[in-house]
Amino acid sequence: MTNPLAAPDPWDVVAEGYDDLTAEMMLPFAQIALDSAEPKSDARVLDVAAGPGTLTLPAAARVARVDAVDFSPSMIERLRGHVRDAGLGNVEAQVGDGQRLPFPDNEFDTAFSMFGLMFFPDRAAGFSELFRVLKPGGGAVVSSWAPISESEFMTLMFGAFRAANPDIPQPQANLLSLENPEVFVSELRAAGFHEVTVQPHTVSKAYDSAEALWDRYSRGSAQVHLMRRNCDADTWKRREQLMIDYLNANYRPGQALSTTAWLGSGRK
């Protein structure tokens, strides 16, 4: 069964809200990835599944050039807007498929894919393409969410989802995905990478209220968009209120919620 999050449409719809969400939740992981890769000031960097530029923009402040690719036209449009607003002249952004990158072999010093390659229908192709376009000696950093059980934030959100719709199954760790660090290591090595490591990193975010938490998450979540799309307006209104009620009952304003991700790295 194809993962609906592996198509651009839901990401196009939530691009504006996702932009807000990534600034809060995902930027710390992008900064960790950049710090771990340590690209040189004259480096050419690739950002695959770049979204609205969560890694691209801070990378552009450190290196000579960043090429950004995403399959969502709306995400690339927002990224280009940020590039214009920041007056950056060293970023090239284009719509493209991370499983078939539009670049020649041995082109980049460092490559990243933050929470994107994990959704690819063909992850092996995604890893192989990162390897192909890197120069010999170049490094790659790829991130993936850890199992939901290791994330206070997503555990709380799935509790809200199930309060509104008990038919939603309890989340289970997918041992065949990049949630499993052994699979993560294996797929990096299978693509040809060496010096492979996969390490957990945790960040936390607090919200002023349950309503603020829901607003920030729901506006930027492709998953919530798909839930909304799959029911009529009245059903969604009722379910959304049930989710907010659940959050009000289970979230203390100002409480920091942790989220854990795996950062996998390797060298060509």
Protein backbone atom coordinates (compact mmCIF):
# COMPACT_ATOMS: atom_id res chain seq x y z
CA MET A 1 0.00 0.00 0.00
CA THR A 2 1.38 3.38 -1.05
CA ASN A 3 1.95 5.87 1.75
CA PRO A 4 -0.24 8.93 0.97
CA LEU A 5 2.50 11.13 2.42
CA ALA A 6 4.76 9.97 -0.43
CA ALA A 7 2.78 12.17 -2.87
CA PRO A 8 3.17 15.96 -3.20
CA ASP A 9 -0.51 16.92 -2.96
CA PRO A 10 -0.96 16.91 0.85
CA TRP A 11 2.32 18.78 1.27
CA ASP A 12 1.23 21.41 -1.25
CA VAL A 13 -1.95 22.01 0.74
CA VAL A 14 -0.21 22.47 4.11
CA ALA A 15 2.89 24.30 2.85
CA GLU A 16 2.12 27.58 4.62
CA GLY A 17 1.33 26.03 7.99
CA TYR A 18 4.15 23.52 7.65
CA ASP A 19 6.51 26.44 7.19
CA ASP A 20 5.50 27.71 10.65
CA LEU A 21 5.71 24.22 12.18
CA THR A 22 9.16 23.43 10.82
CA ALA A 23 10.58 26.68 12.14
CA GLU A 24 9.62 25.54 15.64
CA MET A 25 10.02 21.78 15.62
CA MET A 26 12.45 20.87 12.84
CA LEU A 27 14.96 23.72 12.75
CA PRO A 28 16.84 22.37 15.79
CA PHE A 29 17.34 19.05 13.99
CA ALA A 30 18.57 20.88 10.88
CA GLN A 31 21.08 22.76 13.00
CA ILE A 32 22.27 19.51 14.61
CA ALA A 33 22.68 17.97 11.14
CA LEU A 34 24.71 20.93 9.89
CA ASP A 35 26.90 20.95 12.97
CA SER A 36 27.58 17.22 12.64
CA ALA A 37 28.42 17.42 8.92
CA GLU A 38 30.66 20.48 9.32
CA PRO A 39 30.58 21.55 5.65
CA LYS A 40 33.44 23.85 4.69
CA SER A 41 32.82 27.46 3.70
CA ASP A 42 33.57 26.70 0.04
CA ALA A 43 31.32 23.62 -0.07
CA ARG A 44 28.49 22.94 -2.49
CA VAL A 45 25.62 21.41 -0.53
CA LEU A 46 22.51 19.49 -1.61
CA ASP A 47 19.24 19.51 0.37
CA VAL A 48 16.79 16.80 -0.78
CA ALA A 49 13.13 17.06 0.26
CA ALA A 50 14.02 20.58 1.32
CA GLY A 51 10.50 21.73 2.20
CA PRO A 52 10.35 25.48 2.77
CA GLY A 53 14.09 25.66 3.44
CA THR A 54 14.47 24.59 7.05
CA LEU A 55 18.01 23.35 6.41
CA THR A 56 18.68 25.19 3.14
CA LEU A 57 18.56 28.68 4.66
CA PRO A 58 20.96 28.15 7.59
CA ALA A 59 23.23 26.11 5.30
CA ALA A 60 23.38 29.00 2.83
CA ALA A 61 24.85 31.19 5.57
CA ARG A 62 27.72 28.70 6.01
CA VAL A 63 28.65 27.48 2.53
CA ALA A 64 29.31 28.64 -1.03
CA ARG A 65 26.16 27.20 -2.64
CA VAL A 66 23.08 25.17 -1.76
CA ASP A 67 20.92 23.29 -4.27
CA ALA A 68 17.48 22.48 -2.88
CA VAL A 69 15.06 19.92 -4.32
CA ASP A 70 11.49 19.06 -3.27
CA PHE A 71 8.62 17.31 -5.05
CA SER A 72 6.09 19.86 -3.74
CA PRO A 73 5.81 22.97 -5.94
CA SER A 74 4.24 24.91 -3.06
CA MET A 75 7.15 24.10 -0.75
CA ILE A 76 9.66 25.23 -3.40
CA GLU A 77 7.65 28.42 -3.95
CA ARG A 78 7.87 29.22 -0.25
CA LEU A 79 11.57 28.38 -0.15
CA ARG A 80 12.24 30.72 -3.07
CA GLY A 81 10.30 33.44 -1.27
CA HIS A 82 12.49 33.05 1.81
CA VAL A 83 15.60 33.17 -0.37
CA ARG A 84 14.42 36.43 -1.98
CA ASP A 85 13.49 37.96 1.38
CA ALA A 86 16.91 37.08 2.80
CA GLY A 87 18.72 38.42 -0.26
CA LEU A 88 20.59 35.15 -0.73
CA GLY A 89 22.42 34.70 -3.99
CA ASN A 90 23.83 31.24 -3.40
CA VAL A 91 20.66 29.08 -3.38
CA GLU A 92 19.13 27.29 -6.35
CA ALA A 93 15.75 25.65 -5.64
CA GLN A 94 13.81 23.39 -7.99
CA VAL A 95 10.96 20.89 -8.05
CA GLY A 96 12.38 17.41 -8.39
CA ASP A 97 12.33 13.78 -7.30
CA GLY A 98 14.87 12.65 -4.72
CA GLN A 99 14.75 9.17 -6.24
CA ARG A 100 16.00 10.58 -9.58
CA LEU A 101 18.09 13.64 -8.80
CA PRO A 102 18.67 16.07 -11.69
CA PHE A 103 22.42 16.33 -11.12
CA PRO A 104 25.52 14.62 -12.53
CA ASP A 105 27.72 12.25 -10.56
CA ASN A 106 30.25 13.57 -8.02
CA GLU A 107 28.75 17.06 -7.81
CA PHE A 108 28.35 17.86 -4.09
CA ASP A 109 30.57 18.06 -1.03
CA THR A 110 27.74 17.38 1.44
CA ALA A 111 24.13 16.19 1.06
CA PHE A 112 21.17 16.21 3.43
CA SER A 113 17.62 14.88 3.54
CA MET A 114 15.73 15.98 6.64
CA PHE A 115 12.55 13.96 7.26
CA GLY A 116 12.04 13.43 3.53
CA LEU A 117 13.82 10.31 2.34
CA MET A 118 12.03 8.37 5.08
CA PHE A 119 8.79 8.73 3.02
CA PHE A 120 10.25 7.76 -0.37
CA PRO A 121 8.47 4.80 -2.01
CA ASP A 122 11.93 3.60 -3.05
CA ARG A 123 14.28 4.46 -0.17
CA ALA A 124 17.12 2.45 -1.75
CA ALA A 125 16.96 4.75 -4.78
CA GLY A 126 16.98 7.79 -2.49
CA PHE A 127 20.09 6.64 -0.65
CA SER A 128 21.80 5.58 -3.90
CA GLU A 129 21.10 8.95 -5.50
CA LEU A 130 22.60 10.80 -2.52
CA PHE A 131 25.67 8.59 -2.84
CA ARG A 132 25.89 9.07 -6.61
CA VAL A 133 25.88 12.88 -6.58
CA LEU A 134 28.42 13.20 -3.75
CA LYS A 135 32.08 13.74 -4.51
CA PRO A 136 34.42 11.02 -3.24
CA GLY A 137 34.97 11.77 0.44
CA GLY A 138 31.70 13.72 0.65
CA GLY A 139 29.30 13.15 3.53
CA ALA A 140 25.54 12.73 3.82
CA VAL A 141 23.17 13.24 6.75
CA VAL A 142 19.62 11.85 6.68
CA SER A 143 17.03 12.16 9.43
CA SER A 144 14.01 10.08 10.35
CA TRP A 145 11.59 10.16 13.26
CA ALA A 146 12.13 7.62 15.99
CA PRO A 147 9.12 5.46 16.96
CA ILE A 148 6.15 7.43 18.25
CA SER A 149 6.57 5.80 21.66
CA GLU A 150 9.82 7.79 22.01
CA SER A 151 8.10 11.11 21.29
CA GLU A 152 6.01 12.76 24.01
CA PHE A 153 4.63 15.14 21.40
CA MET A 154 3.40 12.48 18.95
CA THR A 155 2.19 10.18 21.74
CA LEU A 156 -0.03 13.03 22.90
CA MET A 157 -1.22 13.78 19.36
CA PHE A 158 -2.11 10.15 18.63
CA GLY A 159 -4.07 10.09 21.87
CA ALA A 160 -6.06 13.03 20.51
CA PHE A 161 -6.55 11.34 17.13
CA ARG A 162 -7.92 8.20 18.78
CA ALA A 163 -10.16 10.20 21.12
CA ALA A 164 -11.82 11.62 18.02
CA ASN A 165 -11.81 8.42 16.01
CA PRO A 166 -11.26 5.14 17.92
CA ASP A 167 -10.92 3.31 14.59
CA ILE A 168 -7.45 4.79 14.25
CA PRO A 169 -5.12 1.98 15.37
CA GLN A 170 -2.63 2.37 18.17
CA PRO A 171 0.69 3.39 16.60
CA GLN A 172 3.19 0.57 16.31
CA ALA A 173 6.89 0.83 15.57
CA ASN A 174 7.58 -0.08 11.94
CA LEU A 175 10.66 -2.26 12.17
CA LEU A 176 11.07 -2.23 8.38
CA SER A 177 11.34 1.56 8.22
CA LEU A 178 14.02 4.05 9.19
CA GLU A 179 12.41 4.12 12.64
CA ASN A 180 14.58 1.05 13.16
CA PRO A 181 18.23 2.17 13.48
CA GLU A 182 19.48 -1.24 12.31
CA VAL A 183 17.55 -0.81 9.05
CA PHE A 184 18.84 2.75 8.80
CA VAL A 185 22.46 1.58 9.10
CA SER A 186 21.89 -1.29 6.67
CA GLU A 187 20.37 0.94 3.98
CA LEU A 188 23.15 3.53 4.23
CA ARG A 189 25.75 0.79 3.85
CA ALA A 190 23.86 -0.88 0.99
CA ALA A 191 24.03 2.40 -0.95
CA GLY A 192 27.82 2.36 -0.58
CA PHE A 193 28.37 4.66 2.40
CA HIS A 194 31.08 3.94 4.95
CA GLU A 195 31.81 5.45 8.37
CA VAL A 196 28.08 4.99 8.96
CA THR A 197 26.50 6.10 12.24
CA VAL A 198 22.90 6.49 13.39
CA GLN A 199 22.38 8.53 16.55
CA PRO A 200 19.27 9.70 18.45
CA HIS A 201 18.68 13.40 19.08
CA THR A 202 15.87 14.89 21.15
CA VAL A 203 14.43 18.41 21.16
CA SER A 204 11.55 19.88 23.18
CA LYS A 205 8.93 22.55 22.57
CA ALA A 206 6.34 24.09 24.92
CA TYR A 207 3.04 25.75 23.99
CA ASP A 208 0.97 28.40 25.72
CA SER A 209 -2.20 26.30 25.63
CA ALA A 210 -3.74 23.17 24.16
CA GLU A 211 -5.47 25.34 21.56
CA ALA A 212 -2.14 26.87 20.52
CA LEU A 213 -0.58 23.42 20.25
CA TRP A 214 -3.42 22.19 18.05
CA ASP A 215 -3.37 25.29 15.87
CA ARG A 216 0.35 25.07 15.18
CA TYR A 217 0.28 21.35 14.52
CA SER A 218 -2.93 21.03 12.53
CA ARG A 219 -2.18 23.85 10.09
CA GLY A 220 1.12 22.28 9.09
CA SER A 221 0.38 18.57 9.30
CA ALA A 222 -0.12 16.64 6.06
CA GLN A 223 -1.46 13.80 8.21
CA VAL A 224 -4.18 16.02 9.68
CA HIS A 225 -5.01 17.28 6.18
CA LEU A 226 -5.57 13.68 5.03
CA MET A 227 -7.76 13.00 8.07
CA ARG A 228 -9.83 16.10 7.27
CA ARG A 229 -10.11 15.19 3.59
CA ASN A 230 -11.44 11.72 4.39
CA CYS A 231 -14.61 12.87 6.17
CA ASP A 232 -17.42 15.38 5.64
CA ALA A 233 -17.33 18.87 7.14
CA ASP A 234 -19.69 18.14 10.04
CA THR A 235 -17.82 14.97 11.03
CA TRP A 236 -14.52 16.81 10.90
CA LYS A 237 -15.84 19.68 13.03
CA ARG A 238 -17.01 17.19 15.68
CA ARG A 239 -13.75 15.23 15.60
CA GLU A 240 -11.61 18.33 15.75
CA GLN A 241 -13.41 19.50 18.88
CA LEU A 242 -12.91 16.08 20.47
CA MET A 243 -9.18 16.33 19.75
CA ILE A 244 -8.97 19.80 21.27
CA ASP A 245 -10.92 18.60 24.32
CA TYR A 246 -8.47 15.71 24.70
CA LEU A 247 -5.51 18.07 24.53
CA ASN A 248 -7.08 20.40 27.08
CA ALA A 249 -7.49 17.45 29.44
CA ASN A 250 -3.98 16.06 28.89
CA TYR A 251 -1.69 19.01 28.18
CA ARG A 252 -0.51 21.46 30.80
CA PRO A 253 0.18 24.94 29.33
CA GLY A 254 3.91 25.57 29.22
CA GLN A 255 4.76 21.86 29.41
CA ALA A 256 7.77 20.94 27.26
CA LEU A 257 7.07 18.02 24.91
CA SER A 258 10.02 16.06 23.59
CA THR A 259 10.47 14.69 20.08
CA THR A 260 13.23 12.26 19.12
CA ALA A 261 14.75 11.68 15.71
CA TRP A 262 17.49 9.49 14.29
CA LEU A 263 20.28 11.22 12.36
CA GLY A 264 22.10 8.83 10.08
CA SER A 265 25.37 9.79 8.44
CA GLY A 266 27.90 8.25 6.11
CA ARG A 267 30.74 9.11 3.79
CA LYS A 268 31.41 8.27 0.14
